[in-house]
């Protein structure tokens, strides 16, 4: 009897996990849509539930209230999807290309290539977070958490360039992370692309040139093949 029912139980467990994952995707995507359409204060849990096609209680079980939903939406936007947000950053395709590239110039180009997609996806949600954080200490904490997460990632990239002997002698890994933080900022992308009308290609070409000149010894010339 147990041999007949065991496969059924394994199948049921797998199916439940798949359905739970699908529900999670629907809720986070619905939350992002509501936040963008109505702002943090205007988005409601019932509206998110209706958009996702689930019960209100299901939404409450999926995250720690609206703040948790906004954070989940931000992380999904950074990763390029809800399912991808569960994957460690260093294992995501764009970051793997940066890590696995041995030429520093092309490493910078590979990193820069991720920026238009990241900022176009997450920028609008970060504006929602910034506006709401002005009067909500919990959201202020989330904003600081996001900034710290970004800083750690950029410091990791700077450390990698240092380990591979690519940084200019007068640029420490800490200073390199500062430069990456400033030049790859959301404000630069939105100012040049969203407001001044630069194309993504023009933006990435400019950013690659600025970072190469600022970070790499001899502008990366010694590393060219």
C-alpha atoms as a PDB file:
ATOM      1  CA  UNK A   1       0.000   0.000   0.000  1.00  0.00           C
ATOM      2  CA  UNK A   2       2.795   2.415   0.953  1.00  0.00           C
ATOM      3  CA  UNK A   3       4.563   1.797  -2.368  1.00  0.00           C
ATOM      4  CA  UNK A   4       1.426   2.868  -4.242  1.00  0.00           C
ATOM      5  CA  UNK A   5       0.707   6.003  -2.213  1.00  0.00           C
ATOM      6  CA  UNK A   6       4.269   7.336  -1.749  1.00  0.00           C
ATOM      7  CA  UNK A   7       4.684   8.574  -5.346  1.00  0.00           C
ATOM      8  CA  UNK A   8       1.302  10.274  -5.063  1.00  0.00           C
ATOM      9  CA  UNK A   9       2.413  12.094  -1.923  1.00  0.00           C
ATOM     10  CA  UNK A  10       5.650  13.248  -3.559  1.00  0.00           C
ATOM     11  CA  UNK A  11       3.673  14.484  -6.562  1.00  0.00           C
ATOM     12  CA  UNK A  12       1.199  16.314  -4.351  1.00  0.00           C
ATOM     13  CA  UNK A  13       4.021  18.020  -2.432  1.00  0.00           C
ATOM     14  CA  UNK A  14       5.686  19.117  -5.659  1.00  0.00           C
ATOM     15  CA  UNK A  15       2.408  20.404  -7.030  1.00  0.00           C
ATOM     16  CA  UNK A  16       1.717  22.371  -3.852  1.00  0.00           C
ATOM     17  CA  UNK A  17       5.145  23.985  -4.029  1.00  0.00           C
ATOM     18  CA  UNK A  18       4.624  24.906  -7.666  1.00  0.00           C
ATOM     19  CA  UNK A  19       1.232  26.417  -6.941  1.00  0.00           C
ATOM     20  CA  UNK A  20       2.608  28.322  -3.952  1.00  0.00           C
ATOM     21  CA  UNK A  21       5.404  29.708  -6.131  1.00  0.00           C
ATOM     22  CA  UNK A  22       2.914  30.747  -8.811  1.00  0.00           C
ATOM     23  CA  UNK A  23       0.758  32.439  -6.194  1.00  0.00           C
ATOM     24  CA  UNK A  24       3.784  34.281  -4.853  1.00  0.00           C
ATOM     25  CA  UNK A  25       4.651  35.539  -8.333  1.00  0.00           C
ATOM     26  CA  UNK A  26       1.088  36.725  -8.911  1.00  0.00           C
ATOM     27  CA  UNK A  27       0.963  38.568  -5.574  1.00  0.00           C
ATOM     28  CA  UNK A  28       4.313  40.344  -5.947  1.00  0.00           C
ATOM     29  CA  UNK A  29       3.565  41.338  -9.553  1.00  0.00           C
ATOM     30  CA  UNK A  30       0.125  42.624  -8.522  1.00  0.00           C
ATOM     31  CA  UNK A  31       1.657  44.555  -5.626  1.00  0.00           C
ATOM     32  CA  UNK A  32       4.188  46.205  -7.937  1.00  0.00           C
ATOM     33  CA  UNK A  33       1.419  47.222 -10.319  1.00  0.00           C
ATOM     34  CA  UNK A  34      -0.689  48.703  -7.514  1.00  0.00           C
ATOM     35  CA  UNK A  35       2.246  50.593  -5.979  1.00  0.00           C
ATOM     36  CA  UNK A  36       3.169  52.098  -9.342  1.00  0.00           C
ATOM     37  CA  UNK A  37      -0.416  53.034 -10.136  1.00  0.00           C
ATOM     38  CA  UNK A  38      -1.486  54.394  -6.746  1.00  0.00           C
ATOM     39  CA  UNK A  39       1.635  54.968  -4.659  1.00  0.00           C
ATOM     40  CA  UNK A  40       2.369  53.295  -1.354  1.00  0.00           C
ATOM     41  CA  UNK A  41      -0.463  54.900   0.593  1.00  0.00           C
ATOM     42  CA  UNK A  42      -3.005  54.383  -2.179  1.00  0.00           C
ATOM     43  CA  UNK A  43      -2.263  50.713  -2.760  1.00  0.00           C
ATOM     44  CA  UNK A  44      -4.395  48.453  -0.583  1.00  0.00           C
ATOM     45  CA  UNK A  45      -4.128  44.802   0.334  1.00  0.00           C
ATOM     46  CA  UNK A  46      -7.666  44.068  -0.971  1.00  0.00           C
ATOM     47  CA  UNK A  47      -6.793  45.680  -4.308  1.00  0.00           C
ATOM     48  CA  UNK A  48      -3.565  43.657  -4.511  1.00  0.00           C
ATOM     49  CA  UNK A  49      -5.486  40.490  -3.686  1.00  0.00           C
ATOM     50  CA  UNK A  50      -8.099  41.218  -6.355  1.00  0.00           C
ATOM     51  CA  UNK A  51      -5.433  41.930  -8.958  1.00  0.00           C
ATOM     52  CA  UNK A  52      -3.612  38.707  -8.084  1.00  0.00           C
ATOM     53  CA  UNK A  53      -6.815  36.689  -8.022  1.00  0.00           C
ATOM     54  CA  UNK A  54      -6.299  35.447  -4.474  1.00  0.00           C
ATOM     55  CA  UNK A  55      -7.903  35.904  -1.063  1.00  0.00           C
ATOM     56  CA  UNK A  56      -6.853  38.813   1.138  1.00  0.00           C
ATOM     57  CA  UNK A  57      -5.643  36.324   3.750  1.00  0.00           C
ATOM     58  CA  UNK A  58      -3.317  34.781   1.175  1.00  0.00           C
ATOM     59  CA  UNK A  59      -1.696  38.157   0.567  1.00  0.00           C
ATOM     60  CA  UNK A  60      -1.207  38.710   4.302  1.00  0.00           C
ATOM     61  CA  UNK A  61       0.440  35.278   4.599  1.00  0.00           C
ATOM     62  CA  UNK A  62       2.814  35.986   1.716  1.00  0.00           C
ATOM     63  CA  UNK A  63       4.658  38.979   3.202  1.00  0.00           C
ATOM     64  CA  UNK A  64       4.956  41.249   6.211  1.00  0.00           C
ATOM     65  CA  UNK A  65       2.237  43.678   5.186  1.00  0.00           C
ATOM     66  CA  UNK A  66       2.571  46.370   2.530  1.00  0.00           C
ATOM     67  CA  UNK A  67       6.159  47.126   3.488  1.00  0.00           C
ATOM     68  CA  UNK A  68       7.115  43.505   2.885  1.00  0.00           C
ATOM     69  CA  UNK A  69       5.289  43.512  -0.432  1.00  0.00           C
ATOM     70  CA  UNK A  70       7.074  46.657  -1.572  1.00  0.00           C
ATOM     71  CA  UNK A  71      10.429  45.169  -0.614  1.00  0.00           C
ATOM     72  CA  UNK A  72       9.566  41.973  -2.493  1.00  0.00           C
ATOM     73  CA  UNK A  73       8.590  44.020  -5.535  1.00  0.00           C
ATOM     74  CA  UNK A  74      11.870  45.971  -5.391  1.00  0.00           C
ATOM     75  CA  UNK A  75      13.939  42.805  -5.094  1.00  0.00           C
ATOM     76  CA  UNK A  76      12.037  41.205  -7.975  1.00  0.00           C
ATOM     77  CA  UNK A  77      12.656  44.269 -10.129  1.00  0.00           C
ATOM     78  CA  UNK A  78      16.366  44.205  -9.305  1.00  0.00           C
ATOM     79  CA  UNK A  79      16.604  40.529 -10.194  1.00  0.00           C
ATOM     80  CA  UNK A  80      14.486  40.708 -13.336  1.00  0.00           C
ATOM     81  CA  UNK A  81      11.566  38.686 -12.002  1.00  0.00           C
ATOM     82  CA  UNK A  82      10.050  37.257  -8.842  1.00  0.00           C
ATOM     83  CA  UNK A  83      11.517  33.788  -9.344  1.00  0.00           C
ATOM     84  CA  UNK A  84      14.973  35.192 -10.068  1.00  0.00           C
ATOM     85  CA  UNK A  85      14.914  37.149  -6.813  1.00  0.00           C
ATOM     86  CA  UNK A  86      15.290  33.857  -4.928  1.00  0.00           C
ATOM     87  CA  UNK A  87      18.558  33.145  -6.759  1.00  0.00           C
ATOM     88  CA  UNK A  88      21.760  34.438  -5.066  1.00  0.00           C
ATOM     89  CA  UNK A  89      22.998  37.595  -6.787  1.00  0.00           C
ATOM     90  CA  UNK A  90      26.313  36.061  -7.850  1.00  0.00           C
ATOM     91  CA  UNK A  91      24.488  33.245  -9.628  1.00  0.00           C
ATOM     92  CA  UNK A  92      22.312  35.476 -11.811  1.00  0.00           C
ATOM     93  CA  UNK A  93      23.274  35.453 -15.503  1.00  0.00           C
ATOM     94  CA  UNK A  94      24.297  39.107 -15.794  1.00  0.00           C
ATOM     95  CA  UNK A  95      26.497  38.978 -12.709  1.00  0.00           C
ATOM     96  CA  UNK A  96      27.976  35.613 -13.731  1.00  0.00           C
ATOM     97  CA  UNK A  97      29.131  37.227 -16.970  1.00  0.00           C
ATOM     98  CA  UNK A  98      30.881  39.948 -14.986  1.00  0.00           C
ATOM     99  CA  UNK A  99      32.568  37.491 -12.626  1.00  0.00           C
ATOM    100  CA  UNK A 100      33.659  35.075 -15.335  1.00  0.00           C
ATOM    101  CA  UNK A 101      35.073  37.735 -17.676  1.00  0.00           C
ATOM    102  CA  UNK A 102      38.862  37.937 -17.320  1.00  0.00           C
ATOM    103  CA  UNK A 103      39.495  41.177 -19.207  1.00  0.00           C
ATOM    104  CA  UNK A 104      38.834  44.188 -16.919  1.00  0.00           C
ATOM    105  CA  UNK A 105      37.596  46.424 -19.719  1.00  0.00           C
ATOM    106  CA  UNK A 106      35.066  43.846 -20.797  1.00  0.00           C
ATOM    107  CA  UNK A 107      34.187  43.215 -17.147  1.00  0.00           C
ATOM    108  CA  UNK A 108      33.228  46.851 -16.785  1.00  0.00           C
ATOM    109  CA  UNK A 109      31.299  46.730 -20.054  1.00  0.00           C
ATOM    110  CA  UNK A 110      29.454  43.617 -18.860  1.00  0.00           C
ATOM    111  CA  UNK A 111      28.508  45.289 -15.593  1.00  0.00           C
ATOM    112  CA  UNK A 112      27.456  48.496 -17.316  1.00  0.00           C
ATOM    113  CA  UNK A 113      25.264  46.477 -19.669  1.00  0.00           C
ATOM    114  CA  UNK A 114      23.125  45.456 -16.665  1.00  0.00           C
ATOM    115  CA  UNK A 115      22.376  49.028 -15.617  1.00  0.00           C
ATOM    116  CA  UNK A 116      19.682  50.169 -18.094  1.00  0.00           C
ATOM    117  CA  UNK A 117      17.563  47.110 -17.347  1.00  0.00           C
ATOM    118  CA  UNK A 118      18.014  47.418 -13.598  1.00  0.00           C
ATOM    119  CA  UNK A 119      17.191  51.125 -13.378  1.00  0.00           C
ATOM    120  CA  UNK A 120      14.291  51.013 -15.828  1.00  0.00           C
ATOM    121  CA  UNK A 121      12.714  48.188 -13.788  1.00  0.00           C
ATOM    122  CA  UNK A 122      13.457  49.248 -10.247  1.00  0.00           C
ATOM    123  CA  UNK A 123      13.652  53.035 -10.574  1.00  0.00           C
ATOM    124  CA  UNK A 124       9.883  53.675 -10.483  1.00  0.00           C
ATOM    125  CA  UNK A 125       9.464  51.434  -7.431  1.00  0.00           C
ATOM    126  CA  UNK A 126      12.353  53.151  -5.652  1.00  0.00           C
ATOM    127  CA  UNK A 127      10.618  56.479  -6.213  1.00  0.00           C
ATOM    128  CA  UNK A 128       7.534  55.019  -4.503  1.00  0.00           C
ATOM    129  CA  UNK A 129       9.757  53.853  -1.641  1.00  0.00           C
ATOM    130  CA  UNK A 130      11.528  57.209  -1.337  1.00  0.00           C
ATOM    131  CA  UNK A 131       8.274  59.144  -1.184  1.00  0.00           C
ATOM    132  CA  UNK A 132       6.699  56.868   1.397  1.00  0.00           C
ATOM    133  CA  UNK A 133       9.859  56.549   3.511  1.00  0.00           C
ATOM    134  CA  UNK A 134       9.707  60.257   4.354  1.00  0.00           C
ATOM    135  CA  UNK A 135       6.924  59.528   6.839  1.00  0.00           C
ATOM    136  CA  UNK A 136       7.414  55.823   7.629  1.00  0.00           C
ATOM    137  CA  UNK A 137      10.361  54.616   9.720  1.00  0.00           C
ATOM    138  CA  UNK A 138       9.957  51.016   8.563  1.00  0.00           C
ATOM    139  CA  UNK A 139      10.228  52.070   4.937  1.00  0.00           C
ATOM    140  CA  UNK A 140      13.167  54.302   5.815  1.00  0.00           C
ATOM    141  CA  UNK A 141      14.841  51.158   7.099  1.00  0.00           C
ATOM    142  CA  UNK A 142      14.073  49.343   3.854  1.00  0.00           C
ATOM    143  CA  UNK A 143      15.567  52.192   1.861  1.00  0.00           C
ATOM    144  CA  UNK A 144      18.737  52.060   3.957  1.00  0.00           C
ATOM    145  CA  UNK A 145      18.817  48.281   3.588  1.00  0.00           C
ATOM    146  CA  UNK A 146      18.615  48.597  -0.188  1.00  0.00           C
ATOM    147  CA  UNK A 147      21.412  51.188  -0.228  1.00  0.00           C
ATOM    148  CA  UNK A 148      23.602  48.893   1.889  1.00  0.00           C
ATOM    149  CA  UNK A 149      22.859  45.966  -0.417  1.00  0.00           C
ATOM    150  CA  UNK A 150      23.909  48.017  -3.449  1.00  0.00           C
ATOM    151  CA  UNK A 151      27.064  49.182  -1.701  1.00  0.00           C
ATOM    152  CA  UNK A 152      28.063  45.599  -0.835  1.00  0.00           C
ATOM    153  CA  UNK A 153      27.613  44.537  -4.436  1.00  0.00           C
ATOM    154  CA  UNK A 154      29.727  47.399  -5.770  1.00  0.00           C
ATOM    155  CA  UNK A 155      32.395  46.770  -3.144  1.00  0.00           C
ATOM    156  CA  UNK A 156      32.516  43.144  -4.263  1.00  0.00           C
ATOM    157  CA  UNK A 157      33.071  44.245  -7.857  1.00  0.00           C
ATOM    158  CA  UNK A 158      35.805  46.677  -6.784  1.00  0.00           C
ATOM    159  CA  UNK A 159      37.492  43.953  -4.723  1.00  0.00           C
ATOM    160  CA  UNK A 160      37.434  41.656  -7.741  1.00  0.00           C
ATOM    161  CA  UNK A 161      39.135  44.284  -9.912  1.00  0.00           C
ATOM    162  CA  UNK A 162      41.767  44.755  -7.202  1.00  0.00           C
ATOM    163  CA  UNK A 163      42.411  41.011  -6.869  1.00  0.00           C
ATOM    164  CA  UNK A 164      42.988  40.779 -10.611  1.00  0.00           C
ATOM    165  CA  UNK A 165      45.450  43.673 -10.582  1.00  0.00           C
ATOM    166  CA  UNK A 166      43.273  45.883 -12.741  1.00  0.00           C
ATOM    167  CA  UNK A 167      42.853  48.973 -10.548  1.00  0.00           C
ATOM    168  CA  UNK A 168      44.991  52.067 -10.938  1.00  0.00           C
ATOM    169  CA  UNK A 169      47.713  52.311  -8.316  1.00  0.00           C
ATOM    170  CA  UNK A 170      46.181  55.462  -6.883  1.00  0.00           C
ATOM    171  CA  UNK A 171      42.721  53.936  -6.533  1.00  0.00           C
ATOM    172  CA  UNK A 172      41.976  51.688  -3.558  1.00  0.00           C
ATOM    173  CA  UNK A 173      39.186  49.130  -3.608  1.00  0.00           C
ATOM    174  CA  UNK A 174      37.169  51.386  -1.309  1.00  0.00           C
ATOM    175  CA  UNK A 175      37.625  54.402  -3.556  1.00  0.00           C
ATOM    176  CA  UNK A 176      36.768  52.271  -6.595  1.00  0.00           C
ATOM    177  CA  UNK A 177      33.499  51.269  -4.924  1.00  0.00           C
ATOM    178  CA  UNK A 178      32.815  54.974  -4.250  1.00  0.00           C
ATOM    179  CA  UNK A 179      33.330  55.780  -7.934  1.00  0.00           C
ATOM    180  CA  UNK A 180      31.118  52.905  -9.034  1.00  0.00           C
ATOM    181  CA  UNK A 181      28.445  54.063  -6.573  1.00  0.00           C
ATOM    182  CA  UNK A 182      28.488  57.618  -7.905  1.00  0.00           C
ATOM    183  CA  UNK A 183      28.747  56.985 -11.640  1.00  0.00           C
ATOM    184  CA  UNK A 184      26.300  54.062 -11.734  1.00  0.00           C
ATOM    185  CA  UNK A 185      23.722  55.953  -9.677  1.00  0.00           C
ATOM    186  CA  UNK A 186      20.033  55.914 -10.516  1.00  0.00           C
ATOM    187  CA  UNK A 187      20.127  59.714 -10.863  1.00  0.00           C
ATOM    188  CA  UNK A 188      22.663  59.538 -13.688  1.00  0.00           C
ATOM    189  CA  UNK A 189      20.638  56.981 -15.621  1.00  0.00           C
ATOM    190  CA  UNK A 190      17.381  58.858 -15.200  1.00  0.00           C
ATOM    191  CA  UNK A 191      18.964  62.236 -15.891  1.00  0.00           C
ATOM    192  CA  UNK A 192      20.684  61.167 -19.102  1.00  0.00           C
ATOM    193  CA  UNK A 193      18.172  58.651 -20.462  1.00  0.00           C
ATOM    194  CA  UNK A 194      14.768  59.556 -19.032  1.00  0.00           C
ATOM    195  CA  UNK A 195      15.128  63.341 -19.042  1.00  0.00           C
ATOM    196  CA  UNK A 196      17.755  64.197 -21.658  1.00  0.00           C
ATOM    197  CA  UNK A 197      16.745  61.485 -24.097  1.00  0.00           C
ATOM    198  CA  UNK A 198      20.005  59.543 -24.413  1.00  0.00           C
ATOM    199  CA  UNK A 199      19.627  56.052 -25.810  1.00  0.00           C
ATOM    200  CA  UNK A 200      20.671  53.107 -23.655  1.00  0.00           C
ATOM    201  CA  UNK A 201      23.599  52.578 -26.046  1.00  0.00           C
ATOM    202  CA  UNK A 202      24.779  56.170 -25.591  1.00  0.00           C
ATOM    203  CA  UNK A 203      24.430  55.825 -21.818  1.00  0.00           C
ATOM    204  CA  UNK A 204      26.335  52.546 -21.568  1.00  0.00           C
ATOM    205  CA  UNK A 205      29.095  53.800 -23.886  1.00  0.00           C
ATOM    206  CA  UNK A 206      29.537  56.906 -21.754  1.00  0.00           C
ATOM    207  CA  UNK A 207      29.450  54.971 -18.478  1.00  0.00           C
ATOM    208  CA  UNK A 208      31.924  52.339 -19.686  1.00  0.00           C
ATOM    209  CA  UNK A 209      34.351  55.056 -20.808  1.00  0.00           C
ATOM    210  CA  UNK A 210      34.073  56.955 -17.518  1.00  0.00           C
ATOM    211  CA  UNK A 211      34.607  53.867 -15.363  1.00  0.00           C
ATOM    212  CA  UNK A 212      37.462  52.558 -17.495  1.00  0.00           C
ATOM    213  CA  UNK A 213      39.294  55.881 -17.276  1.00  0.00           C
ATOM    214  CA  UNK A 214      38.637  56.323 -13.556  1.00  0.00           C
ATOM    215  CA  UNK A 215      39.395  52.787 -12.376  1.00  0.00           C
ATOM    216  CA  UNK A 216      41.777  50.899 -14.647  1.00  0.00           C
ATOM    217  CA  UNK A 217      45.501  51.459 -14.877  1.00  0.00           C
ATOM    218  CA  UNK A 218      46.414  52.990 -18.253  1.00  0.00           C
ATOM    219  CA  UNK A 219      42.713  53.137 -18.986  1.00  0.00           C
ATOM    220  CA  UNK A 220      42.766  49.353 -19.275  1.00  0.00           C
ATOM    221  CA  UNK A 221      45.217  49.420 -22.179  1.00  0.00           C
ATOM    222  CA  UNK A 222      47.483  46.832 -20.631  1.00  0.00           C
ATOM    223  CA  UNK A 223      44.616  44.356 -20.489  1.00  0.00           C
ATOM    224  CA  UNK A 224      43.537  44.617 -24.106  1.00  0.00           C
ATOM    225  CA  UNK A 225      44.043  41.615 -26.296  1.00  0.00           C
END
